[in-house]
Amino acid sequence: MDADDNEWLTLPQAAALMRMTKAAIAQLRYRGIGPKFYRLSAKTILYKQSEVIAWMESCACTRTDDVLAGH
C-alpha cells in the first residue's frame, strides 16, 4: 500500500475521486451503504483514500443485472 493510499480526504476530494456529487455521497452516508467515513465534528467529515478505493472496487460488476443485487 502506498503512503498516498492512507491520505485523508475531505468531502469535496472524496466526491471528486468517486465522481459523485457531495449530495450523492451524503445519501450514501445516510443509507449506510457508502465508504466508511470519519465525523470529526458536526461539519467535518473525512474519508481515507484507501477505504474509498476499496469501497469503489467492491461495487465492481461483471453483468448488467449485477447492479440490481449490489449497492
Protein backbone atom coordinates (compact mmCIF):
# COMPACT_ATOMS: atom_id res chain seq x y z
CA MET A 1 0.00 0.00 0.00
CA ASP A 2 1.38 3.39 -0.96
CA ALA A 3 1.64 6.18 1.59
CA ASP A 4 -0.87 8.13 -0.53
CA ASP A 5 -3.46 5.36 0.00
CA ASN A 6 -3.72 6.42 3.66
CA GLU A 7 -4.27 10.06 2.77
CA TRP A 8 -7.22 11.74 4.46
CA LEU A 9 -9.74 13.18 2.00
CA THR A 10 -12.19 15.99 2.59
CA LEU A 11 -15.73 15.59 1.31
CA PRO A 12 -15.01 17.53 -1.92
CA GLN A 13 -11.88 15.43 -2.52
CA ALA A 14 -13.75 12.18 -1.91
CA ALA A 15 -16.55 13.36 -4.22
CA ALA A 16 -14.03 14.08 -6.97
CA LEU A 17 -12.38 10.67 -6.53
CA MET A 18 -15.76 8.91 -6.59
CA ARG A 19 -17.04 11.07 -9.47
CA MET A 20 -20.15 11.83 -7.42
CA THR A 21 -21.75 14.95 -6.01
CA LYS A 22 -21.44 15.78 -2.32
CA ALA A 23 -25.22 15.30 -2.06
CA ALA A 24 -24.98 11.80 -3.52
CA ILE A 25 -22.29 10.87 -1.01
CA ALA A 26 -24.43 12.31 1.78
CA GLN A 27 -27.21 9.94 0.71
CA LEU A 28 -24.78 7.01 0.83
CA ARG A 29 -23.82 8.00 4.38
CA TYR A 30 -27.46 8.40 5.40
CA ARG A 31 -28.37 4.99 3.96
CA GLY A 32 -25.25 3.38 5.43
CA ILE A 33 -24.09 1.95 2.10
CA GLY A 34 -21.11 4.14 1.21
CA PRO A 35 -17.48 4.01 2.22
CA LYS A 36 -16.54 4.31 5.87
CA PHE A 37 -16.31 7.94 6.97
CA TYR A 38 -14.97 9.78 9.98
CA ARG A 39 -17.04 12.57 11.55
CA LEU A 40 -14.65 14.81 13.45
CA SER A 41 -17.26 17.46 14.20
CA ALA A 42 -20.75 18.38 13.08
CA LYS A 43 -19.35 19.87 9.88
CA THR A 44 -16.11 17.96 9.36
CA ILE A 45 -16.25 14.61 7.58
CA LEU A 46 -13.16 12.84 6.32
CA TYR A 47 -12.54 9.69 4.32
CA LYS A 48 -9.41 7.55 3.95
CA GLN A 49 -8.44 7.33 0.31
CA SER A 50 -7.69 3.60 0.62
CA GLU A 51 -11.16 2.92 2.06
CA VAL A 52 -12.88 4.92 -0.67
CA ILE A 53 -10.99 2.98 -3.34
CA ALA A 54 -11.77 -0.34 -1.61
CA TRP A 55 -15.46 0.57 -1.48
CA MET A 56 -15.43 1.53 -5.17
CA GLU A 57 -13.76 -1.77 -6.05
CA SER A 58 -16.40 -3.64 -4.02
CA CYS A 59 -19.00 -2.15 -6.37
CA ALA A 60 -17.49 -3.89 -9.42
CA CYS A 61 -19.93 -5.82 -11.58
CA THR A 62 -19.44 -8.39 -14.30
CA ARG A 63 -23.00 -8.36 -15.61
CA THR A 64 -25.54 -5.59 -16.16
CA ASP A 65 -28.03 -7.20 -13.77
CA ASP A 66 -25.37 -7.32 -11.00
CA VAL A 67 -26.31 -3.71 -10.27
CA LEU A 68 -29.74 -4.82 -9.02
CA ALA A 69 -28.20 -7.03 -6.34
CA GLY A 70 -25.32 -4.73 -5.38
CA HIS A 71 -25.02 -1.26 -3.88
